[in-house]
Amino acid sequence: MPSEQNPVATKPSYRTREQEAAVGLLRTTDAIRRHYSAIIAPFGITLQQYNVLRILRGAGREGLPTLTIGERMMEQTPGVTRLIDRLVKKGFVTRRPCDEDRRRVYCHITAAGLKVLTSLDEPVAQGDALSVAPLTAAELDRLVSMLDRIRAHNS
């Protein structure tokens, strides 16, 4: 419905159904990213830093090389080293050179990093549920399957 603020409040037009789907994916990604950023921000970290901490928690005591962390990130970013630098400054991550290859640096999550993640586990789980609340279990299964196919095709 038109208003003074938005005189032409109509649904955007798309050249093709494919364009509508692609734009819809991008807009949905942005909305969900903002949703999770709002959950994580009060803990003093960004969504990408949260992703690094989750990856390192999953790695256990062995830790992971910086390159491997970058490969496992949800969003590929050239600034993994800077992300880790910030986490080191916050006391959430430590670095240790590899004994066999000094060029390789292993990153490890600290007790403080684990504490932040543990504090975020429940709010993030609630955010997970809320972000897909409109979908039935069957729709959720189909969505996951379709997203997997699209991601595989574009990788």
N, C-alpha and C. Protein backbone atom coordinates (compact mmCIF):
# COMPACT_ATOMS: atom_id res chain seq x y z
N MET A 1 0.84 -1.18 0.00
CA MET A 1 0.00 0.00 0.00
C MET A 1 0.89 1.24 0.00
N PRO A 2 0.65 2.21 -0.88
CA PRO A 2 1.45 3.43 -0.92
C PRO A 2 1.28 4.25 0.35
N SER A 3 2.34 4.95 0.75
CA SER A 3 2.31 5.85 1.90
C SER A 3 3.16 7.06 1.58
N GLU A 4 3.15 8.07 2.49
CA GLU A 4 3.97 9.26 2.25
C GLU A 4 5.45 8.92 2.21
N GLN A 5 5.88 8.00 3.09
CA GLN A 5 7.29 7.62 3.12
C GLN A 5 7.67 6.77 1.92
N ASN A 6 6.75 5.95 1.45
CA ASN A 6 7.03 5.04 0.35
C ASN A 6 5.85 5.10 -0.63
N PRO A 7 5.87 6.10 -1.55
CA PRO A 7 4.71 6.28 -2.43
C PRO A 7 4.44 5.10 -3.35
N VAL A 8 5.42 4.27 -3.62
CA VAL A 8 5.22 3.11 -4.49
C VAL A 8 5.60 1.86 -3.72
N ALA A 9 4.74 1.43 -2.83
CA ALA A 9 5.02 0.25 -2.02
C ALA A 9 4.52 -0.98 -2.76
N THR A 10 5.30 -1.41 -3.73
CA THR A 10 4.94 -2.60 -4.49
C THR A 10 6.05 -3.63 -4.37
N LYS A 11 5.71 -4.84 -4.70
CA LYS A 11 6.70 -5.91 -4.70
C LYS A 11 7.69 -5.66 -5.83
N PRO A 12 8.99 -5.82 -5.55
CA PRO A 12 9.97 -5.60 -6.63
C PRO A 12 9.69 -6.53 -7.81
N SER A 13 9.98 -6.03 -9.00
CA SER A 13 9.81 -6.89 -10.17
C SER A 13 11.17 -7.49 -10.53
N TYR A 14 11.11 -8.69 -11.02
CA TYR A 14 12.33 -9.42 -11.39
C TYR A 14 12.21 -9.85 -12.84
N ARG A 15 13.35 -9.90 -13.50
CA ARG A 15 13.35 -10.32 -14.91
C ARG A 15 12.97 -11.79 -15.05
N THR A 16 13.45 -12.61 -14.10
CA THR A 16 13.19 -14.05 -14.17
C THR A 16 12.90 -14.59 -12.78
N ARG A 17 12.34 -15.76 -12.74
CA ARG A 17 12.10 -16.45 -11.46
C ARG A 17 13.44 -16.78 -10.80
N GLU A 18 14.44 -17.10 -11.62
CA GLU A 18 15.78 -17.39 -11.09
C GLU A 18 16.36 -16.17 -10.38
N GLN A 19 16.18 -15.00 -10.99
CA GLN A 19 16.66 -13.77 -10.36
C GLN A 19 15.93 -13.53 -9.03
N GLU A 20 14.64 -13.76 -9.02
CA GLU A 20 13.87 -13.59 -7.79
C GLU A 20 14.38 -14.52 -6.70
N ALA A 21 14.68 -15.77 -7.07
CA ALA A 21 15.19 -16.73 -6.10
C ALA A 21 16.57 -16.32 -5.59
N ALA A 22 17.45 -15.90 -6.50
CA ALA A 22 18.81 -15.50 -6.09
C ALA A 22 18.77 -14.27 -5.19
N VAL A 23 17.97 -13.28 -5.55
CA VAL A 23 17.85 -12.09 -4.71
C VAL A 23 17.21 -12.45 -3.37
N GLY A 24 16.24 -13.35 -3.40
CA GLY A 24 15.62 -13.81 -2.16
C GLY A 24 16.62 -14.49 -1.23
N LEU A 25 17.51 -15.30 -1.80
CA LEU A 25 18.56 -15.94 -0.99
C LEU A 25 19.48 -14.90 -0.37
N LEU A 26 19.87 -13.91 -1.16
CA LEU A 26 20.76 -12.86 -0.65
C LEU A 26 20.09 -12.04 0.45
N ARG A 27 18.84 -11.69 0.25
CA ARG A 27 18.12 -10.91 1.27
C ARG A 27 17.89 -11.72 2.53
N THR A 28 17.59 -13.00 2.37
CA THR A 28 17.40 -13.87 3.53
C THR A 28 18.71 -14.05 4.28
N THR A 29 19.80 -14.22 3.55
CA THR A 29 21.12 -14.32 4.18
C THR A 29 21.41 -13.09 5.01
N ASP A 30 21.12 -11.91 4.46
CA ASP A 30 21.37 -10.67 5.18
C ASP A 30 20.50 -10.59 6.44
N ALA A 31 19.24 -10.95 6.34
CA ALA A 31 18.34 -10.90 7.50
C ALA A 31 18.81 -11.85 8.60
N ILE A 32 19.19 -13.05 8.22
CA ILE A 32 19.64 -14.03 9.21
C ILE A 32 20.98 -13.61 9.81
N ARG A 33 21.86 -13.05 9.00
CA ARG A 33 23.15 -12.57 9.50
C ARG A 33 22.92 -11.47 10.55
N ARG A 34 22.01 -10.54 10.27
CA ARG A 34 21.70 -9.48 11.24
C ARG A 34 21.09 -10.06 12.51
N HIS A 35 20.25 -11.07 12.36
CA HIS A 35 19.62 -11.75 13.49
C HIS A 35 20.68 -12.34 14.43
N TYR A 36 21.63 -13.08 13.86
CA TYR A 36 22.68 -13.70 14.68
C TYR A 36 23.68 -12.67 15.20
N SER A 37 23.98 -11.65 14.43
CA SER A 37 24.89 -10.59 14.90
C SER A 37 24.32 -9.92 16.15
N ALA A 38 23.01 -9.72 16.17
CA ALA A 38 22.37 -9.11 17.34
C ALA A 38 22.47 -10.01 18.57
N ILE A 39 22.43 -11.31 18.37
CA ILE A 39 22.57 -12.25 19.49
C ILE A 39 24.00 -12.24 20.02
N ILE A 40 24.96 -12.18 19.12
CA ILE A 40 26.37 -12.34 19.47
C ILE A 40 27.02 -11.04 19.94
N ALA A 41 26.58 -9.91 19.42
CA ALA A 41 27.22 -8.61 19.71
C ALA A 41 27.37 -8.30 21.20
N PRO A 42 26.38 -8.58 22.05
CA PRO A 42 26.54 -8.27 23.47
C PRO A 42 27.72 -9.00 24.13
N PHE A 43 28.24 -10.02 23.49
CA PHE A 43 29.37 -10.77 24.03
C PHE A 43 30.71 -10.22 23.53
N GLY A 44 30.66 -9.13 22.77
CA GLY A 44 31.87 -8.45 22.35
C GLY A 44 32.62 -9.08 21.19
N ILE A 45 31.93 -9.92 20.42
CA ILE A 45 32.57 -10.53 19.26
C ILE A 45 31.66 -10.38 18.04
N THR A 46 32.27 -10.55 16.88
CA THR A 46 31.51 -10.49 15.63
C THR A 46 31.07 -11.91 15.24
N LEU A 47 30.21 -11.97 14.25
CA LEU A 47 29.75 -13.26 13.75
C LEU A 47 30.92 -14.09 13.20
N GLN A 48 31.85 -13.45 12.51
CA GLN A 48 33.01 -14.18 11.98
C GLN A 48 33.91 -14.66 13.12
N GLN A 49 34.09 -13.85 14.15
CA GLN A 49 34.90 -14.27 15.29
C GLN A 49 34.23 -15.44 16.01
N TYR A 50 32.91 -15.40 16.11
CA TYR A 50 32.16 -16.51 16.69
C TYR A 50 32.40 -17.78 15.89
N ASN A 51 32.39 -17.66 14.58
CA ASN A 51 32.63 -18.80 13.71
C ASN A 51 34.01 -19.40 13.97
N VAL A 52 35.04 -18.55 14.09
CA VAL A 52 36.39 -19.03 14.38
C VAL A 52 36.41 -19.76 15.72
N LEU A 53 35.78 -19.20 16.73
CA LEU A 53 35.77 -19.85 18.05
C LEU A 53 35.07 -21.21 17.99
N ARG A 54 33.97 -21.30 17.26
CA ARG A 54 33.28 -22.60 17.13
C ARG A 54 34.16 -23.62 16.42
N ILE A 55 34.86 -23.18 15.39
CA ILE A 55 35.75 -24.08 14.66
C ILE A 55 36.84 -24.59 15.60
N LEU A 56 37.41 -23.69 16.39
CA LEU A 56 38.49 -24.10 17.30
C LEU A 56 37.98 -24.97 18.44
N ARG A 57 36.77 -24.72 18.91
CA ARG A 57 36.21 -25.60 19.94
C ARG A 57 36.07 -27.01 19.38
N GLY A 58 35.61 -27.12 18.16
CA GLY A 58 35.46 -28.42 17.52
C GLY A 58 36.78 -29.13 17.27
N ALA A 59 37.86 -28.37 17.17
CA ALA A 59 39.17 -28.96 16.89
C ALA A 59 39.78 -29.62 18.13
N GLY A 60 39.31 -29.25 19.30
CA GLY A 60 39.85 -29.85 20.52
C GLY A 60 41.22 -29.31 20.87
N ARG A 61 41.94 -30.08 21.67
CA ARG A 61 43.25 -29.65 22.19
C ARG A 61 44.30 -29.48 21.11
N GLU A 62 44.16 -30.19 20.00
CA GLU A 62 45.16 -30.11 18.94
C GLU A 62 45.21 -28.73 18.29
N GLY A 63 44.09 -28.02 18.30
CA GLY A 63 44.02 -26.75 17.61
C GLY A 63 44.05 -26.95 16.11
N LEU A 64 44.15 -25.85 15.39
CA LEU A 64 44.16 -25.91 13.92
C LEU A 64 45.09 -24.85 13.35
N PRO A 65 45.68 -25.15 12.20
CA PRO A 65 46.45 -24.11 11.51
C PRO A 65 45.51 -23.02 10.98
N THR A 66 46.03 -21.83 10.87
CA THR A 66 45.23 -20.70 10.38
C THR A 66 44.59 -21.01 9.03
N LEU A 67 45.32 -21.61 8.13
CA LEU A 67 44.80 -21.93 6.80
C LEU A 67 43.57 -22.84 6.89
N THR A 68 43.62 -23.82 7.76
CA THR A 68 42.49 -24.75 7.92
C THR A 68 41.28 -24.02 8.48
N ILE A 69 41.50 -23.12 9.41
CA ILE A 69 40.39 -22.33 9.96
C ILE A 69 39.72 -21.57 8.82
N GLY A 70 40.52 -20.93 7.98
CA GLY A 70 39.97 -20.19 6.85
C GLY A 70 39.15 -21.06 5.92
N GLU A 71 39.59 -22.28 5.70
CA GLU A 71 38.86 -23.21 4.82
C GLU A 71 37.53 -23.64 5.42
N ARG A 72 37.44 -23.66 6.75
CA ARG A 72 36.23 -24.13 7.42
C ARG A 72 35.23 -23.01 7.73
N MET A 73 35.62 -21.79 7.48
CA MET A 73 34.73 -20.66 7.78
C MET A 73 33.45 -20.74 6.95
N MET A 74 32.34 -20.30 7.55
CA MET A 74 31.08 -20.26 6.81
C MET A 74 31.17 -19.28 5.65
N GLU A 75 31.82 -18.15 5.89
CA GLU A 75 32.06 -17.16 4.85
C GLU A 75 33.54 -17.12 4.57
N GLN A 76 33.92 -17.32 3.34
CA GLN A 76 35.33 -17.25 3.00
C GLN A 76 35.78 -15.80 3.11
N THR A 77 36.88 -15.59 3.82
CA THR A 77 37.39 -14.24 4.02
C THR A 77 38.91 -14.25 3.92
N PRO A 78 39.48 -13.26 3.26
CA PRO A 78 40.94 -13.20 3.19
C PRO A 78 41.56 -12.72 4.50
N GLY A 79 40.75 -12.21 5.41
CA GLY A 79 41.27 -11.63 6.65
C GLY A 79 41.25 -12.54 7.85
N VAL A 80 41.45 -13.84 7.67
CA VAL A 80 41.41 -14.77 8.80
C VAL A 80 42.48 -14.42 9.83
N THR A 81 43.66 -14.07 9.37
CA THR A 81 44.74 -13.73 10.30
C THR A 81 44.34 -12.55 11.17
N ARG A 82 43.73 -11.53 10.57
CA ARG A 82 43.28 -10.37 11.36
C ARG A 82 42.18 -10.75 12.33
N LEU A 83 41.27 -11.62 11.91
CA LEU A 83 40.22 -12.09 12.82
C LEU A 83 40.85 -12.76 14.04
N ILE A 84 41.82 -13.62 13.78
CA ILE A 84 42.48 -14.33 14.86
C ILE A 84 43.29 -13.37 15.72
N ASP A 85 43.93 -12.37 15.10
CA ASP A 85 44.65 -11.34 15.87
C ASP A 85 43.73 -10.71 16.91
N ARG A 86 42.53 -10.36 16.49
CA ARG A 86 41.58 -9.72 17.41
C ARG A 86 41.16 -10.68 18.53
N LEU A 87 40.99 -11.94 18.20
CA LEU A 87 40.62 -12.93 19.22
C LEU A 87 41.78 -13.17 20.19
N VAL A 88 43.00 -13.11 19.71
CA VAL A 88 44.18 -13.23 20.58
C VAL A 88 44.20 -12.04 21.55
N LYS A 89 43.96 -10.83 21.05
CA LYS A 89 43.94 -9.63 21.89
C LYS A 89 42.87 -9.71 22.97
N LYS A 90 41.75 -10.34 22.65
CA LYS A 90 40.66 -10.50 23.62
C LYS A 90 40.94 -11.62 24.62
N GLY A 91 41.98 -12.41 24.35
CA GLY A 91 42.30 -13.53 25.23
C GLY A 91 41.50 -14.79 24.95
N PHE A 92 40.86 -14.86 23.78
CA PHE A 92 40.01 -16.00 23.44
C PHE A 92 40.75 -17.08 22.64
N VAL A 93 41.90 -16.72 22.07
CA VAL A 93 42.67 -17.64 21.23
C VAL A 93 44.15 -17.44 21.53
N THR A 94 44.91 -18.53 21.45
CA THR A 94 46.37 -18.45 21.52
C THR A 94 46.93 -19.05 20.23
N ARG A 95 48.16 -18.66 19.93
CA ARG A 95 48.86 -19.21 18.76
C ARG A 95 50.12 -19.91 19.24
N ARG A 96 50.46 -20.99 18.50
CA ARG A 96 51.70 -21.71 18.81
C ARG A 96 52.30 -22.21 17.50
N PRO A 97 53.58 -21.91 17.26
CA PRO A 97 54.23 -22.43 16.05
C PRO A 97 54.29 -23.96 16.08
N CYS A 98 54.15 -24.56 14.93
CA CYS A 98 54.25 -26.02 14.80
C CYS A 98 55.71 -26.42 15.02
N ASP A 99 55.92 -27.48 15.79
CA ASP A 99 57.28 -27.96 16.07
C ASP A 99 57.98 -28.46 14.82
N GLU A 100 57.24 -29.12 13.92
CA GLU A 100 57.83 -29.71 12.72
C GLU A 100 58.04 -28.69 11.60
N ASP A 101 57.17 -27.68 11.53
CA ASP A 101 57.24 -26.70 10.45
C ASP A 101 56.95 -25.32 11.05
N ARG A 102 57.99 -24.56 11.32
CA ARG A 102 57.85 -23.28 12.02
C ARG A 102 57.03 -22.26 11.22
N ARG A 103 56.84 -22.50 9.92
CA ARG A 103 56.01 -21.59 9.12
C ARG A 103 54.53 -21.77 9.45
N ARG A 104 54.20 -22.91 9.98
CA ARG A 104 52.81 -23.24 10.29
C ARG A 104 52.52 -22.84 11.73
N VAL A 105 51.40 -22.14 11.92
CA VAL A 105 51.01 -21.68 13.25
C VAL A 105 49.68 -22.33 13.62
N TYR A 106 49.64 -22.94 14.80
CA TYR A 106 48.41 -23.56 15.29
C TYR A 106 47.69 -22.60 16.23
N CYS A 107 46.38 -22.52 16.08
CA CYS A 107 45.55 -21.69 16.94
C CYS A 107 44.77 -22.60 17.88
N HIS A 108 44.61 -22.13 19.11
CA HIS A 108 43.90 -22.89 20.14
C HIS A 108 42.92 -21.96 20.85
N ILE A 109 41.76 -22.48 21.18
CA ILE A 109 40.80 -21.70 21.95
C ILE A 109 41.22 -21.73 23.42
N THR A 110 41.06 -20.61 24.10
CA THR A 110 41.42 -20.53 25.52
C THR A 110 40.20 -20.81 26.39
N ALA A 111 40.41 -20.90 27.69
CA ALA A 111 39.30 -21.08 28.62
C ALA A 111 38.32 -19.91 28.51
N ALA A 112 38.84 -18.70 28.33
CA ALA A 112 37.96 -17.53 28.17
C ALA A 112 37.13 -17.65 26.89
N GLY A 113 37.74 -18.13 25.82
CA GLY A 113 37.01 -18.34 24.57
C GLY A 113 35.92 -19.39 24.72
N LEU A 114 36.25 -20.46 25.43
CA LEU A 114 35.25 -21.51 25.69
C LEU A 114 34.11 -20.97 26.54
N LYS A 115 34.43 -20.11 27.48
CA LYS A 115 33.40 -19.54 28.35
C LYS A 115 32.42 -18.69 27.53
N VAL A 116 32.94 -17.89 26.62
CA VAL A 116 32.08 -17.08 25.76
C VAL A 116 31.19 -17.98 24.92
N LEU A 117 31.76 -19.02 24.32
CA LEU A 117 30.96 -19.93 23.50
C LEU A 117 29.89 -20.63 24.31
N THR A 118 30.24 -21.08 25.49
CA THR A 118 29.27 -21.76 26.35
C THR A 118 28.13 -20.81 26.70
N SER A 119 28.47 -19.55 26.96
CA SER A 119 27.44 -18.55 27.26
C SER A 119 26.54 -18.29 26.05
N LEU A 120 27.06 -18.47 24.87
CA LEU A 120 26.30 -18.23 23.64
C LEU A 120 25.51 -19.45 23.17
N ASP A 121 25.83 -20.63 23.67
CA ASP A 121 25.18 -21.84 23.16
C ASP A 121 23.65 -21.75 23.20
N GLU A 122 23.09 -21.38 24.33
CA GLU A 122 21.63 -21.33 24.46
C GLU A 122 21.02 -20.19 23.64
N PRO A 123 21.54 -18.96 23.72
CA PRO A 123 20.95 -17.91 22.88
C PRO A 123 21.03 -18.23 21.38
N VAL A 124 22.12 -18.83 20.94
CA VAL A 124 22.24 -19.18 19.52
C VAL A 124 21.25 -20.29 19.16
N ALA A 125 21.09 -21.28 20.04
CA ALA A 125 20.12 -22.35 19.78
C ALA A 125 18.71 -21.78 19.68
N GLN A 126 18.39 -20.82 20.54
CA GLN A 126 17.08 -20.17 20.45
C GLN A 126 16.96 -19.39 19.14
N GLY A 127 18.06 -18.74 18.75
CA GLY A 127 18.07 -18.02 17.48
C GLY A 127 17.89 -18.95 16.29
N ASP A 128 18.50 -20.14 16.38
CA ASP A 128 18.33 -21.14 15.32
C ASP A 128 16.85 -21.47 15.15
N ALA A 129 16.21 -21.76 16.27
CA ALA A 129 14.79 -22.14 16.24
C ALA A 129 13.93 -20.99 15.73
N LEU A 130 14.20 -19.80 16.20
CA LEU A 130 13.41 -18.64 15.80
C LEU A 130 13.57 -18.32 14.31
N SER A 131 14.77 -18.48 13.79
CA SER A 131 15.02 -18.11 12.39
C SER A 131 14.26 -18.99 11.40
N VAL A 132 13.92 -20.20 11.79
CA VAL A 132 13.19 -21.10 10.88
C VAL A 132 11.82 -21.48 11.43
N ALA A 133 11.35 -20.74 12.42
CA ALA A 133 10.08 -21.05 13.09
C ALA A 133 8.89 -21.17 12.15
N PRO A 134 8.81 -20.39 11.06
CA PRO A 134 7.64 -20.52 10.19
C PRO A 134 7.56 -21.84 9.42
N LEU A 135 8.64 -22.62 9.41
CA LEU A 135 8.68 -23.84 8.60
C LEU A 135 8.28 -25.08 9.41
N THR A 136 7.61 -26.00 8.73
CA THR A 136 7.33 -27.30 9.33
C THR A 136 8.60 -28.14 9.25
N ALA A 137 8.61 -29.27 9.93
CA ALA A 137 9.77 -30.17 9.89
C ALA A 137 10.03 -30.64 8.45
N ALA A 138 8.98 -30.96 7.72
CA ALA A 138 9.15 -31.41 6.34
C ALA A 138 9.70 -30.29 5.46
N GLU A 139 9.19 -29.07 5.65
CA GLU A 139 9.70 -27.93 4.88
C GLU A 139 11.17 -27.66 5.21
N LEU A 140 11.50 -27.80 6.47
CA LEU A 140 12.89 -27.60 6.90
C LEU A 140 13.81 -28.63 6.25
N ASP A 141 13.37 -29.88 6.20
CA ASP A 141 14.15 -30.92 5.52
C ASP A 141 14.36 -30.58 4.05
N ARG A 142 13.29 -30.13 3.38
CA ARG A 142 13.40 -29.76 1.96
C ARG A 142 14.32 -28.56 1.78
N LEU A 143 14.19 -27.58 2.67
CA LEU A 143 15.04 -26.39 2.58
C LEU A 143 16.51 -26.76 2.71
N VAL A 144 16.84 -27.57 3.70
CA VAL A 144 18.24 -27.98 3.89
C VAL A 144 18.75 -28.71 2.65
N SER A 145 17.94 -29.59 2.10
CA SER A 145 18.33 -30.33 0.91
C SER A 145 18.55 -29.39 -0.28
N MET A 146 17.63 -28.45 -0.47
CA MET A 146 17.77 -27.51 -1.60
C MET A 146 18.99 -26.61 -1.42
N LEU A 147 19.22 -26.13 -0.21
CA LEU A 147 20.38 -25.28 0.03
C LEU A 147 21.68 -26.05 -0.21
N ASP A 148 21.71 -27.31 0.21
CA ASP A 148 22.89 -28.15 -0.04
C ASP A 148 23.16 -28.26 -1.54
N ARG A 149 22.10 -28.48 -2.32
CA ARG A 149 22.26 -28.61 -3.77
C ARG A 149 22.75 -27.31 -4.41
N ILE A 150 22.18 -26.19 -3.99
CA ILE A 150 22.59 -24.90 -4.54
C ILE A 150 24.04 -24.60 -4.19
N ARG A 151 24.40 -24.86 -2.93
CA ARG A 151 25.78 -24.60 -2.48
C ARG A 151 26.77 -25.49 -3.23
N ALA A 152 26.43 -26.77 -3.41
CA ALA A 152 27.31 -27.70 -4.13
C ALA A 152 27.49 -27.24 -5.58
N HIS A 153 26.43 -26.78 -6.19
CA HIS A 153 26.49 -26.32 -7.58
C HIS A 153 27.37 -25.07 -7.72
N ASN A 154 27.37 -24.23 -6.70
CA ASN A 154 28.10 -22.96 -6.77
C ASN A 154 29.48 -23.01 -6.13
N SER A 155 29.89 -24.18 -5.68
CA SER A 155 31.21 -24.29 -5.03
C SER A 155 32.29 -24.64 -6.03
